Amino acid sequence: MAKRKQDAEKASSDNESDSERSLVDVDFEFFDPNPDIDFLALKRLITQLFQADAQLLPVHDLADLILVQPLVGSSVKCDGRETDPFAFLTVLNLHVHKDRPSIKALTAYLLEKSSADPVLQSKLQSLIGPAALASPSSKHVGFIFSERLINMPVQIMPHMYRMLADEIQWALDDNEPYDFSHLILVSRVYKLTAEEAAELHASAPRTKRQKQSSAAPQGAGVYPFHPEDDVIRKFATHTLDYTFTHAQPRTEEAFGLDTGGRMMLIPANRLRDIAAALAEAFPQPS
């Protein structure tokens, strides 16, 4: 059975033309994390999120940790509970799990990447630095893991964030350790030169250009892979775009996008506001 809610989404085909647009009805179901089914797909989503830098993290241990807290977090599937998830959203307590290999590596990674922004790094040191994690009086910080297949519609995200906020509150009602002062979200971005942006815009079908003109890249810059990131960053006190440690050097002849990471530090008490803002920005299709 679905976890909370089942929604029918209408997604436009990638092959839409000027004269015709095909629609496909897909039922997306929300489930609790399932250790017996989700492990391999979750490892792939973790690797997708961190790209080449996933080698710096014990991905196996991180997936295990996410799946051993089945009452917090959601997966999205299309063909029932026994199938692989296409999207995942959860939160991990960096203080409670500070001795897990994956959390040790993750906090070290976040601190190292934040060095490009001394103000952010100083704040993170006070929140998740070795002294902060060792202190029993420190306020706890949650790491939001959010990733999905690139063709999953953004309209699933308001539901997922609303459910996460609900589940954190239910956990707090049961005296579980989810009382966070801050949340850290890592996501992915891509960088375009002016020439790449013009090429991307010109190659899109005319109807898609008309439909997406406000959201599509309009010039050189850094863009999120997932459109909800532009909404979420409005609630962040700090946002940092960074280069992957193990990114392959790019040449003029290189194929594919120039990708990187984005780190956002968010006051935990804004989580419900984020869910509401996402619901307004990405309403269900009629």
C-alpha atoms as a PDB file:
ATOM      1  CA  MET A   1       0.000   0.000   0.000  1.00  0.00           C
ATOM      2  CA  ALA A   2       1.080   3.549  -0.599  1.00  0.00           C
ATOM      3  CA  LYS A   3       2.573   5.360   2.355  1.00  0.00           C
ATOM      4  CA  ARG A   4       0.420   8.461   2.551  1.00  0.00           C
ATOM      5  CA  LYS A   5      -0.933   9.456  -0.787  1.00  0.00           C
ATOM      6  CA  GLN A   6      -1.126   8.382  -4.420  1.00  0.00           C
ATOM      7  CA  ASP A   7      -1.124  11.020  -7.143  1.00  0.00           C
ATOM      8  CA  ALA A   8      -1.587  10.865 -10.899  1.00  0.00           C
ATOM      9  CA  GLU A   9       0.939  13.081 -12.667  1.00  0.00           C
ATOM     10  CA  LYS A  10       0.805  14.043 -16.313  1.00  0.00           C
ATOM     11  CA  ALA A  11       4.284  14.280 -17.764  1.00  0.00           C
ATOM     12  CA  SER A  12       4.900  15.568 -21.259  1.00  0.00           C
ATOM     13  CA  SER A  13       6.883  13.399 -23.597  1.00  0.00           C
ATOM     14  CA  ASP A  14      10.492  14.275 -24.310  1.00  0.00           C
ATOM     15  CA  ASN A  15       9.616  13.885 -27.990  1.00  0.00           C
ATOM     16  CA  GLU A  16       6.928  16.571 -28.175  1.00  0.00           C
ATOM     17  CA  SER A  17       6.753  18.393 -31.497  1.00  0.00           C
ATOM     18  CA  ASP A  18       5.396  21.752 -32.610  1.00  0.00           C
ATOM     19  CA  SER A  19       2.099  20.224 -33.691  1.00  0.00           C
ATOM     20  CA  GLU A  20       1.577  17.460 -31.161  1.00  0.00           C
ATOM     21  CA  ARG A  21       2.257  16.789 -27.498  1.00  0.00           C
ATOM     22  CA  SER A  22       1.708  13.330 -26.034  1.00  0.00           C
ATOM     23  CA  LEU A  23       0.749  12.897 -22.399  1.00  0.00           C
ATOM     24  CA  VAL A  24       1.390   9.872 -20.216  1.00  0.00           C
ATOM     25  CA  ASP A  25      -0.564   9.212 -17.029  1.00  0.00           C
ATOM     26  CA  VAL A  26       1.682   7.816 -14.291  1.00  0.00           C
ATOM     27  CA  ASP A  27       0.718   6.964 -10.714  1.00  0.00           C
ATOM     28  CA  PHE A  28       3.435   7.924  -8.245  1.00  0.00           C
ATOM     29  CA  GLU A  29       3.214   6.262  -4.840  1.00  0.00           C
ATOM     30  CA  PHE A  30       5.003   7.318  -1.667  1.00  0.00           C
ATOM     31  CA  PHE A  31       6.516   4.648   0.582  1.00  0.00           C
ATOM     32  CA  ASP A  32       8.583   4.310   3.722  1.00  0.00           C
ATOM     33  CA  PRO A  33      12.228   3.311   3.121  1.00  0.00           C
ATOM     34  CA  ASN A  34      12.443  -0.431   2.502  1.00  0.00           C
ATOM     35  CA  PRO A  35      15.811  -2.050   3.432  1.00  0.00           C
ATOM     36  CA  ASP A  36      14.930  -5.241   1.556  1.00  0.00           C
ATOM     37  CA  ILE A  37      14.252  -3.521  -1.758  1.00  0.00           C
ATOM     38  CA  ASP A  38      15.726  -0.021  -1.888  1.00  0.00           C
ATOM     39  CA  PHE A  39      19.398  -0.587  -1.110  1.00  0.00           C
ATOM     40  CA  LEU A  40      20.916  -0.803  -4.602  1.00  0.00           C
ATOM     41  CA  ALA A  41      18.756   1.958  -6.068  1.00  0.00           C
ATOM     42  CA  LEU A  42      19.551   4.180  -3.090  1.00  0.00           C
ATOM     43  CA  LYS A  43      23.285   3.628  -3.609  1.00  0.00           C
ATOM     44  CA  ARG A  44      22.846   4.729  -7.219  1.00  0.00           C
ATOM     45  CA  LEU A  45      21.017   7.886  -6.125  1.00  0.00           C
ATOM     46  CA  ILE A  46      23.757   8.693  -3.595  1.00  0.00           C
ATOM     47  CA  THR A  47      26.378   8.262  -6.318  1.00  0.00           C
ATOM     48  CA  GLN A  48      24.302  10.409  -8.678  1.00  0.00           C
ATOM     49  CA  LEU A  49      24.153  13.176  -6.059  1.00  0.00           C
ATOM     50  CA  PHE A  50      27.872  13.266  -5.255  1.00  0.00           C
ATOM     51  CA  GLN A  51      29.063  12.270  -8.743  1.00  0.00           C
ATOM     52  CA  ALA A  52      32.792  11.421  -8.827  1.00  0.00           C
ATOM     53  CA  ASP A  53      33.129  12.589  -5.206  1.00  0.00           C
ATOM     54  CA  ALA A  54      31.030   9.600  -4.111  1.00  0.00           C
ATOM     55  CA  GLN A  55      34.332   7.737  -3.893  1.00  0.00           C
ATOM     56  CA  LEU A  56      35.146   9.917  -0.880  1.00  0.00           C
ATOM     57  CA  LEU A  57      32.173   8.528   1.030  1.00  0.00           C
ATOM     58  CA  PRO A  58      31.328   5.013   2.241  1.00  0.00           C
ATOM     59  CA  VAL A  59      28.212   4.869   0.050  1.00  0.00           C
ATOM     60  CA  HIS A  60      27.319   1.396   1.328  1.00  0.00           C
ATOM     61  CA  ASP A  61      27.261   2.608   4.934  1.00  0.00           C
ATOM     62  CA  LEU A  62      25.341   5.768   4.065  1.00  0.00           C
ATOM     63  CA  ALA A  63      22.638   3.763   2.289  1.00  0.00           C
ATOM     64  CA  ASP A  64      22.440   1.383   5.260  1.00  0.00           C
ATOM     65  CA  LEU A  65      22.046   4.296   7.664  1.00  0.00           C
ATOM     66  CA  ILE A  66      19.256   5.885   5.628  1.00  0.00           C
ATOM     67  CA  LEU A  67      17.363   2.606   5.459  1.00  0.00           C
ATOM     68  CA  VAL A  68      17.565   1.743   9.175  1.00  0.00           C
ATOM     69  CA  GLN A  69      15.325   4.694  10.048  1.00  0.00           C
ATOM     70  CA  PRO A  70      12.179   3.623   8.153  1.00  0.00           C
ATOM     71  CA  LEU A  71       9.807   5.968  10.009  1.00  0.00           C
ATOM     72  CA  VAL A  72      11.448   9.132   8.645  1.00  0.00           C
ATOM     73  CA  GLY A  73      11.845   9.755   4.942  1.00  0.00           C
ATOM     74  CA  SER A  74      10.014   8.778   1.782  1.00  0.00           C
ATOM     75  CA  SER A  75      10.652   7.049  -1.498  1.00  0.00           C
ATOM     76  CA  VAL A  76       8.636   7.405  -4.695  1.00  0.00           C
ATOM     77  CA  LYS A  77       7.808   4.400  -6.866  1.00  0.00           C
ATOM     78  CA  CYS A  78       5.579   3.725  -9.848  1.00  0.00           C
ATOM     79  CA  ASP A  79       4.842   0.003  -9.688  1.00  0.00           C
ATOM     80  CA  GLY A  80       4.335  -0.842  -6.028  1.00  0.00           C
ATOM     81  CA  ARG A  81       6.405  -1.354  -2.919  1.00  0.00           C
ATOM     82  CA  GLU A  82       8.542  -4.167  -4.325  1.00  0.00           C
ATOM     83  CA  THR A  83      10.068  -2.015  -7.084  1.00  0.00           C
ATOM     84  CA  ASP A  84      13.050   0.343  -7.117  1.00  0.00           C
ATOM     85  CA  PRO A  85      12.557   3.927  -5.910  1.00  0.00           C
ATOM     86  CA  PHE A  86      12.848   6.756  -8.426  1.00  0.00           C
ATOM     87  CA  ALA A  87      13.192   9.454  -5.746  1.00  0.00           C
ATOM     88  CA  PHE A  88      14.237   9.647  -2.104  1.00  0.00           C
ATOM     89  CA  LEU A  89      14.027  12.277   0.632  1.00  0.00           C
ATOM     90  CA  THR A  90      15.106  11.861   4.254  1.00  0.00           C
ATOM     91  CA  VAL A  91      17.106  13.508   7.040  1.00  0.00           C
ATOM     92  CA  LEU A  92      20.004  12.144   9.108  1.00  0.00           C
ATOM     93  CA  ASN A  93      21.101  13.419  12.520  1.00  0.00           C
ATOM     94  CA  LEU A  94      24.801  14.228  12.124  1.00  0.00           C
ATOM     95  CA  HIS A  95      25.329  14.300  15.898  1.00  0.00           C
ATOM     96  CA  VAL A  96      23.592  11.042  16.784  1.00  0.00           C
ATOM     97  CA  HIS A  97      25.387   9.193  13.971  1.00  0.00           C
ATOM     98  CA  LYS A  98      28.741  10.991  14.267  1.00  0.00           C
ATOM     99  CA  ASP A  99      30.653   7.713  14.751  1.00  0.00           C
ATOM    100  CA  ARG A 100      29.328   6.068  11.585  1.00  0.00           C
ATOM    101  CA  PRO A 101      32.010   5.926   8.847  1.00  0.00           C
ATOM    102  CA  SER A 102      29.692   7.597   6.345  1.00  0.00           C
ATOM    103  CA  ILE A 103      28.862  10.504   8.655  1.00  0.00           C
ATOM    104  CA  LYS A 104      32.517  11.023   9.584  1.00  0.00           C
ATOM    105  CA  ALA A 105      33.355  11.207   5.876  1.00  0.00           C
ATOM    106  CA  LEU A 106      30.323  13.367   5.080  1.00  0.00           C
ATOM    107  CA  THR A 107      31.029  15.975   7.774  1.00  0.00           C
ATOM    108  CA  ALA A 108      34.685  16.124   6.727  1.00  0.00           C
ATOM    109  CA  TYR A 109      33.562  16.600   3.114  1.00  0.00           C
ATOM    110  CA  LEU A 110      31.143  19.409   4.018  1.00  0.00           C
ATOM    111  CA  LEU A 111      33.754  21.210   6.085  1.00  0.00           C
ATOM    112  CA  GLU A 112      36.390  20.866   3.369  1.00  0.00           C
ATOM    113  CA  LYS A 113      34.069  22.123   0.621  1.00  0.00           C
ATOM    114  CA  SER A 114      32.923  25.067   2.723  1.00  0.00           C
ATOM    115  CA  SER A 115      36.502  26.383   2.839  1.00  0.00           C
ATOM    116  CA  ALA A 116      35.694  28.451  -0.262  1.00  0.00           C
ATOM    117  CA  ASP A 117      33.357  30.537   1.934  1.00  0.00           C
ATOM    118  CA  PRO A 118      35.062  31.422   5.242  1.00  0.00           C
ATOM    119  CA  VAL A 119      31.819  32.668   6.793  1.00  0.00           C
ATOM    120  CA  LEU A 120      30.009  29.435   5.976  1.00  0.00           C
ATOM    121  CA  GLN A 121      32.966  27.322   7.082  1.00  0.00           C
ATOM    122  CA  SER A 122      33.117  29.122  10.422  1.00  0.00           C
ATOM    123  CA  LYS A 123      29.407  28.509  10.924  1.00  0.00           C
ATOM    124  CA  LEU A 124      29.716  24.834  10.003  1.00  0.00           C
ATOM    125  CA  GLN A 125      32.681  24.419  12.353  1.00  0.00           C
ATOM    126  CA  SER A 126      30.489  25.679  15.172  1.00  0.00           C
ATOM    127  CA  LEU A 127      27.712  23.274  14.173  1.00  0.00           C
ATOM    128  CA  ILE A 128      29.366  20.065  12.926  1.00  0.00           C
ATOM    129  CA  GLY A 129      33.078  20.524  13.612  1.00  0.00           C
ATOM    130  CA  PRO A 130      34.770  17.890  15.796  1.00  0.00           C
ATOM    131  CA  ALA A 131      34.291  19.923  18.973  1.00  0.00           C
ATOM    132  CA  ALA A 132      30.617  20.592  18.219  1.00  0.00           C
ATOM    133  CA  LEU A 133      29.867  16.955  17.472  1.00  0.00           C
ATOM    134  CA  ALA A 134      31.623  15.837  20.658  1.00  0.00           C
ATOM    135  CA  SER A 135      29.807  18.313  22.898  1.00  0.00           C
ATOM    136  CA  PRO A 136      26.622  16.968  24.536  1.00  0.00           C
ATOM    137  CA  SER A 137      25.291  20.526  24.774  1.00  0.00           C
ATOM    138  CA  SER A 138      25.548  21.270  21.049  1.00  0.00           C
ATOM    139  CA  LYS A 139      22.384  21.752  19.050  1.00  0.00           C
ATOM    140  CA  HIS A 140      21.835  18.986  16.524  1.00  0.00           C
ATOM    141  CA  VAL A 141      22.098  19.375  12.764  1.00  0.00           C
ATOM    142  CA  GLY A 142      20.247  17.327  10.166  1.00  0.00           C
ATOM    143  CA  PHE A 143      21.591  16.361   6.749  1.00  0.00           C
ATOM    144  CA  ILE A 144      18.812  16.277   4.156  1.00  0.00           C
ATOM    145  CA  PHE A 145      19.386  13.632   1.515  1.00  0.00           C
ATOM    146  CA  SER A 146      17.305  14.475  -1.532  1.00  0.00           C
ATOM    147  CA  GLU A 147      17.801  12.976  -4.961  1.00  0.00           C
ATOM    148  CA  ARG A 148      15.683  11.654  -7.795  1.00  0.00           C
ATOM    149  CA  LEU A 149      15.976  10.506 -11.371  1.00  0.00           C
ATOM    150  CA  ILE A 150      16.298  13.524 -13.616  1.00  0.00           C
ATOM    151  CA  ASN A 151      13.026  12.870 -15.488  1.00  0.00           C
ATOM    152  CA  MET A 152      10.900  12.686 -12.329  1.00  0.00           C
ATOM    153  CA  PRO A 153       8.470  15.640 -12.203  1.00  0.00           C
ATOM    154  CA  VAL A 154       9.174  18.332  -9.657  1.00  0.00           C
ATOM    155  CA  GLN A 155       5.524  18.181  -8.524  1.00  0.00           C
ATOM    156  CA  ILE A 156       6.379  15.242  -6.248  1.00  0.00           C
ATOM    157  CA  MET A 157       8.656  17.413  -4.101  1.00  0.00           C
ATOM    158  CA  PRO A 158       6.048  19.483  -2.211  1.00  0.00           C
ATOM    159  CA  HIS A 159       4.462  16.246  -0.967  1.00  0.00           C
ATOM    160  CA  MET A 160       7.822  14.798   0.038  1.00  0.00           C
ATOM    161  CA  TYR A 161       8.879  17.875   2.002  1.00  0.00           C
ATOM    162  CA  ARG A 162       5.476  18.136   3.677  1.00  0.00           C
ATOM    163  CA  MET A 163       5.668  14.485   4.715  1.00  0.00           C
ATOM    164  CA  LEU A 164       9.214  14.952   5.997  1.00  0.00           C
ATOM    165  CA  ALA A 165       8.113  17.880   8.163  1.00  0.00           C
ATOM    166  CA  ASP A 166       5.216  15.786   9.495  1.00  0.00           C
ATOM    167  CA  GLU A 167       7.459  12.820  10.247  1.00  0.00           C
ATOM    168  CA  ILE A 168      10.014  14.938  12.090  1.00  0.00           C
ATOM    169  CA  GLN A 169       7.226  16.327  14.249  1.00  0.00           C
ATOM    170  CA  TRP A 170       5.850  12.838  14.954  1.00  0.00           C
ATOM    171  CA  ALA A 171       9.364  11.683  15.859  1.00  0.00           C
ATOM    172  CA  LEU A 172       9.729  14.619  18.245  1.00  0.00           C
ATOM    173  CA  ASP A 173       6.374  13.734  19.813  1.00  0.00           C
ATOM    174  CA  ASP A 174       7.869  10.301  20.532  1.00  0.00           C
ATOM    175  CA  ASN A 175      11.052  11.851  21.986  1.00  0.00           C
ATOM    176  CA  GLU A 176      13.175  10.722  19.050  1.00  0.00           C
ATOM    177  CA  PRO A 177      16.361  12.752  18.276  1.00  0.00           C
ATOM    178  CA  TYR A 178      15.144  14.953  15.455  1.00  0.00           C
ATOM    179  CA  ASP A 179      15.255  18.330  17.203  1.00  0.00           C
ATOM    180  CA  PHE A 180      17.466  20.231  14.759  1.00  0.00           C
ATOM    181  CA  SER A 181      18.673  23.810  14.827  1.00  0.00           C
ATOM    182  CA  HIS A 182      19.823  23.670  11.198  1.00  0.00           C
ATOM    183  CA  LEU A 183      19.550  21.509   8.118  1.00  0.00           C
ATOM    184  CA  ILE A 184      22.223  21.001   5.466  1.00  0.00           C
ATOM    185  CA  LEU A 185      21.170  20.186   1.916  1.00  0.00           C
ATOM    186  CA  VAL A 186      23.567  19.129  -0.834  1.00  0.00           C
ATOM    187  CA  SER A 187      22.408  19.214  -4.444  1.00  0.00           C
ATOM    188  CA  ARG A 188      23.839  19.372  -7.948  1.00  0.00           C
ATOM    189  CA  VAL A 189      24.372  22.249 -10.358  1.00  0.00           C
ATOM    190  CA  TYR A 190      25.671  22.658 -13.885  1.00  0.00           C
ATOM    191  CA  LYS A 191      27.589  25.526 -15.427  1.00  0.00           C
ATOM    192  CA  LEU A 192      27.008  26.952 -18.884  1.00  0.00           C
ATOM    193  CA  THR A 193      29.036  29.298 -21.001  1.00  0.00           C
ATOM    194  CA  ALA A 194      27.120  31.820 -23.086  1.00  0.00           C
ATOM    195  CA  GLU A 195      27.690  29.643 -26.149  1.00  0.00           C
ATOM    196  CA  GLU A 196      26.423  26.503 -24.387  1.00  0.00           C
ATOM    197  CA  ALA A 197      23.307  28.303 -23.135  1.00  0.00           C
ATOM    198  CA  ALA A 198      22.516  29.584 -26.636  1.00  0.00           C
ATOM    199  CA  GLU A 199      22.975  26.099 -28.089  1.00  0.00           C
ATOM    200  CA  LEU A 200      20.744  24.535 -25.447  1.00  0.00           C
ATOM    201  CA  HIS A 201      18.014  27.098 -26.040  1.00  0.00           C
ATOM    202  CA  ALA A 202      18.193  26.775 -29.815  1.00  0.00           C
ATOM    203  CA  SER A 203      18.047  22.971 -29.740  1.00  0.00           C
ATOM    204  CA  ALA A 204      14.806  22.825 -27.699  1.00  0.00           C
ATOM    205  CA  PRO A 205      11.577  22.325 -29.687  1.00  0.00           C
ATOM    206  CA  ARG A 206       9.699  25.590 -30.208  1.00  0.00           C
ATOM    207  CA  THR A 207       6.723  24.590 -28.024  1.00  0.00           C
ATOM    208  CA  LYS A 208       9.034  23.585 -25.195  1.00  0.00           C
ATOM    209  CA  ARG A 209      10.909  26.889 -25.501  1.00  0.00           C
ATOM    210  CA  GLN A 210       7.623  28.764 -25.208  1.00  0.00           C
ATOM    211  CA  LYS A 211       6.482  26.668 -22.259  1.00  0.00           C
ATOM    212  CA  GLN A 212       9.748  26.796 -20.321  1.00  0.00           C
ATOM    213  CA  SER A 213      11.129  30.204 -21.348  1.00  0.00           C
ATOM    214  CA  SER A 214      11.048  31.534 -17.786  1.00  0.00           C
ATOM    215  CA  ALA A 215      12.805  28.511 -16.305  1.00  0.00           C
ATOM    216  CA  ALA A 216      15.245  27.592 -19.062  1.00  0.00           C
ATOM    217  CA  PRO A 217      18.848  28.833 -18.928  1.00  0.00           C
ATOM    218  CA  GLN A 218      18.952  32.284 -20.504  1.00  0.00           C
ATOM    219  CA  GLY A 219      22.702  32.797 -20.566  1.00  0.00           C
ATOM    220  CA  ALA A 220      26.016  31.944 -18.989  1.00  0.00           C
ATOM    221  CA  GLY A 221      25.761  30.966 -15.340  1.00  0.00           C
ATOM    222  CA  VAL A 222      25.193  28.230 -12.786  1.00  0.00           C
ATOM    223  CA  TYR A 223      21.880  26.376 -12.807  1.00  0.00           C
ATOM    224  CA  PRO A 224      20.387  23.685 -10.554  1.00  0.00           C
ATOM    225  CA  PHE A 225      19.549  20.257 -11.920  1.00  0.00           C
ATOM    226  CA  HIS A 226      16.370  20.301  -9.848  1.00  0.00           C
ATOM    227  CA  PRO A 227      14.153  23.412 -10.091  1.00  0.00           C
ATOM    228  CA  GLU A 228      13.045  23.207  -6.442  1.00  0.00           C
ATOM    229  CA  ASP A 229      16.562  24.252  -5.406  1.00  0.00           C
ATOM    230  CA  ASP A 230      15.864  27.825  -6.526  1.00  0.00           C
ATOM    231  CA  VAL A 231      12.913  27.919  -4.123  1.00  0.00           C
ATOM    232  CA  ILE A 232      14.743  26.249  -1.243  1.00  0.00           C
ATOM    233  CA  ARG A 233      17.760  28.561  -1.460  1.00  0.00           C
ATOM    234  CA  LYS A 234      15.511  31.524  -0.593  1.00  0.00           C
ATOM    235  CA  PHE A 235      15.243  30.022   2.915  1.00  0.00           C
ATOM    236  CA  ALA A 236      18.972  29.303   3.276  1.00  0.00           C
ATOM    237  CA  THR A 237      21.211  31.517   5.360  1.00  0.00           C
ATOM    238  CA  HIS A 238      24.222  30.374   3.336  1.00  0.00           C
ATOM    239  CA  THR A 239      24.512  28.896  -0.172  1.00  0.00           C
ATOM    240  CA  LEU A 240      27.753  27.739  -1.756  1.00  0.00           C
ATOM    241  CA  ASP A 241      28.361  26.289  -5.218  1.00  0.00           C
ATOM    242  CA  TYR A 242      31.507  24.203  -5.301  1.00  0.00           C
ATOM    243  CA  THR A 243      33.653  22.123  -7.637  1.00  0.00           C
ATOM    244  CA  PHE A 244      33.812  18.371  -7.231  1.00  0.00           C
ATOM    245  CA  THR A 245      37.170  17.170  -5.949  1.00  0.00           C
ATOM    246  CA  HIS A 246      37.378  14.413  -8.532  1.00  0.00           C
ATOM    247  CA  ALA A 247      35.822  16.255 -11.454  1.00  0.00           C
ATOM    248  CA  GLN A 248      37.449  15.479 -14.772  1.00  0.00           C
ATOM    249  CA  PRO A 249      39.323  18.429 -16.304  1.00  0.00           C
ATOM    250  CA  ARG A 250      37.250  19.940 -19.111  1.00  0.00           C
ATOM    251  CA  THR A 251      38.585  20.950 -22.491  1.00  0.00           C
ATOM    252  CA  GLU A 252      36.923  22.840 -25.337  1.00  0.00           C
ATOM    253  CA  GLU A 253      36.167  19.484 -26.962  1.00  0.00           C
ATOM    254  CA  ALA A 254      34.605  17.978 -23.817  1.00  0.00           C
ATOM    255  CA  PHE A 255      31.114  16.492 -24.070  1.00  0.00           C
ATOM    256  CA  GLY A 256      28.405  16.806 -21.446  1.00  0.00           C
ATOM    257  CA  LEU A 257      27.708  19.367 -18.778  1.00  0.00           C
ATOM    258  CA  ASP A 258      30.208  20.950 -16.430  1.00  0.00           C
ATOM    259  CA  THR A 259      28.704  19.834 -13.112  1.00  0.00           C
ATOM    260  CA  GLY A 260      29.335  20.766  -9.507  1.00  0.00           C
ATOM    261  CA  GLY A 261      27.756  20.679  -6.071  1.00  0.00           C
ATOM    262  CA  ARG A 262      25.647  23.120  -4.096  1.00  0.00           C
ATOM    263  CA  MET A 263      25.514  23.289  -0.308  1.00  0.00           C
ATOM    264  CA  MET A 264      22.739  25.112   1.547  1.00  0.00           C
ATOM    265  CA  LEU A 265      22.475  25.777   5.290  1.00  0.00           C
ATOM    266  CA  ILE A 266      18.864  26.226   6.351  1.00  0.00           C
ATOM    267  CA  PRO A 267      17.283  27.022   9.732  1.00  0.00           C
ATOM    268  CA  ALA A 268      15.343  23.893  10.685  1.00  0.00           C
ATOM    269  CA  ASN A 269      12.262  25.874  11.654  1.00  0.00           C
ATOM    270  CA  ARG A 270      11.784  26.872   7.987  1.00  0.00           C
ATOM    271  CA  LEU A 271      11.092  23.331   6.769  1.00  0.00           C
ATOM    272  CA  ARG A 272       7.301  23.738   6.715  1.00  0.00           C
ATOM    273  CA  ASP A 273       7.711  27.102   5.002  1.00  0.00           C
ATOM    274  CA  ILE A 274       9.786  25.363   2.333  1.00  0.00           C
ATOM    275  CA  ALA A 275       7.080  22.740   1.813  1.00  0.00           C
ATOM    276  CA  ALA A 276       4.442  25.472   1.453  1.00  0.00           C
ATOM    277  CA  ALA A 277       6.586  27.481  -0.972  1.00  0.00           C
ATOM    278  CA  LEU A 278       7.209  24.385  -3.101  1.00  0.00           C
ATOM    279  CA  ALA A 279       3.486  23.630  -3.207  1.00  0.00           C
ATOM    280  CA  GLU A 280       2.842  27.164  -4.462  1.00  0.00           C
ATOM    281  CA  ALA A 281       5.680  27.106  -6.982  1.00  0.00           C
ATOM    282  CA  PHE A 282       4.937  23.638  -8.362  1.00  0.00           C
ATOM    283  CA  PRO A 283       1.171  22.951  -8.147  1.00  0.00           C
ATOM    284  CA  GLN A 284      -0.333  19.687  -9.284  1.00  0.00           C
ATOM    285  CA  PRO A 285      -1.209  19.663 -12.998  1.00  0.00           C
ATOM    286  CA  SER A 286      -4.908  19.986 -13.678  1.00  0.00           C
END
